[in-house]
Structure formats: C-alpha cells, structure tokens
Amino acid sequence: MRTTVTLDEDVAAAIEAERVGTGETFRDALNRLVRRGLRRQDAADPPPLPLLAGAPQVDVTDISQVLGELADEHLLERGGP
C-alpha cells in the first residue's frame, strides 16, 4: 500500500538512524519499527483482573490499619515479639 504520512522530525530522525545502522531502506526500517511497536503494544496489555463475588475481606481505605494488622500477623507467625 502506498500512502503519504507526515512524520515529526524526531521520529524521522530515529527511523533514519535505524536505517543507517542496519543498511535497510527507509521503507523497510519504518515497517520493521512499526511492527515492533505493534507487537509490544499487544504484549503490554495485561489481562483483565477477575471479578470476585462477595465483599472484600480487608478494608484498605485506612492503610495504616492494614499495615498494623499485617505486622501483627507477622509477629504471631514468628511466635510473638
């Protein structure tokens, strides 16, 4: 497919630097970089978190309370202070 695209100067310079470094044509370097960017975008999208039924077991609105409870649990697991 043939099309006209206006590239920002920094983008064109980055593609040109890649092209010079690899010996590719501008077209080949551009296609390779676009494909790489598309693959990374697909890989970067994490799967959605599962929705669990029921009420939360811990109220995290007061983080100091949560941290205190975690510290208490840790001490109990270790056999006390």
Protein backbone atom coordinates (compact mmCIF):
# COMPACT_ATOMS: atom_id res chain seq x y z
CA MET A 1 0.00 0.00 0.00
CA ARG A 2 1.28 3.39 -0.87
CA THR A 3 0.33 6.38 1.29
CA THR A 4 1.63 9.76 2.42
CA VAL A 5 2.40 10.28 6.10
CA THR A 6 3.80 13.36 7.80
CA LEU A 7 6.39 12.34 10.40
CA ASP A 8 7.57 14.52 13.25
CA GLU A 9 11.23 15.47 12.88
CA ASP A 10 12.34 13.37 15.86
CA VAL A 11 10.52 10.30 14.51
CA ALA A 12 12.03 10.71 11.04
CA ALA A 13 15.49 11.14 12.59
CA ALA A 14 15.07 7.98 14.69
CA ILE A 15 13.99 5.98 11.64
CA GLU A 16 16.89 7.37 9.63
CA ALA A 17 19.35 6.43 12.38
CA GLU A 18 17.95 2.88 12.40
CA ARG A 19 18.14 2.75 8.62
CA VAL A 20 21.76 3.86 8.54
CA GLY A 21 22.69 1.42 11.31
CA THR A 22 21.08 -1.57 9.60
CA GLY A 23 21.61 -0.67 5.95
CA GLU A 24 17.88 -1.03 5.30
CA THR A 25 15.82 1.18 3.08
CA PHE A 26 13.72 3.81 4.84
CA ARG A 27 10.60 1.83 3.94
CA ASP A 28 11.95 -1.42 5.39
CA ALA A 29 13.16 0.28 8.58
CA LEU A 30 9.82 2.04 9.02
CA ASN A 31 7.82 -1.18 8.52
CA ARG A 32 10.05 -3.12 10.93
CA LEU A 33 9.78 -0.44 13.63
CA VAL A 34 6.00 -0.14 13.25
CA ARG A 35 5.62 -3.93 13.51
CA ARG A 36 7.83 -3.99 16.61
CA GLY A 37 5.77 -1.23 18.21
CA LEU A 38 2.53 -3.05 17.45
CA ARG A 39 3.84 -6.31 18.95
CA ARG A 40 4.95 -4.52 22.13
CA GLN A 41 1.59 -2.82 22.45
CA ASP A 42 -0.21 -6.17 22.24
CA ALA A 43 2.15 -7.73 24.78
CA ALA A 44 1.83 -4.74 27.14
CA ASP A 45 -1.93 -5.06 27.56
CA PRO A 46 -2.34 -7.13 30.73
CA PRO A 47 -5.29 -9.45 31.02
CA PRO A 48 -8.20 -8.03 33.00
CA LEU A 49 -8.37 -8.86 36.68
CA PRO A 50 -11.04 -11.38 37.62
CA LEU A 51 -14.13 -10.10 39.36
CA LEU A 52 -14.65 -11.97 42.61
CA ALA A 53 -18.02 -12.42 44.25
CA GLY A 54 -18.61 -11.28 47.81
CA ALA A 55 -17.42 -8.46 49.99
CA PRO A 56 -13.75 -7.53 50.37
CA GLN A 57 -12.01 -9.23 53.28
CA VAL A 58 -9.88 -6.20 54.12
CA ASP A 59 -10.84 -2.54 54.16
CA VAL A 60 -7.89 -0.77 52.54
CA THR A 61 -9.22 2.76 52.98
CA ASP A 62 -7.08 3.09 56.14
CA ILE A 63 -3.67 1.85 55.03
CA SER A 64 -2.10 2.35 58.47
CA GLN A 65 -4.63 -0.08 59.94
CA VAL A 66 -3.91 -2.64 57.21
CA LEU A 67 -0.15 -2.35 57.79
CA GLY A 68 -0.66 -2.72 61.54
CA GLU A 69 -2.73 -5.86 61.05
CA LEU A 70 -0.14 -7.32 58.70
CA ALA A 71 2.61 -6.58 61.23
CA ASP A 72 0.56 -8.25 63.98
CA GLU A 73 0.01 -11.34 61.81
CA HIS A 74 3.72 -11.49 61.03
CA LEU A 75 4.60 -11.34 64.74
CA LEU A 76 2.08 -14.07 65.55
CA GLU A 77 3.54 -16.31 62.83
CA ARG A 78 7.02 -15.82 64.28
CA GLY A 79 5.90 -16.67 67.79
CA GLY A 80 5.45 -13.21 69.26
CA PRO A 81 7.56 -10.08 69.69
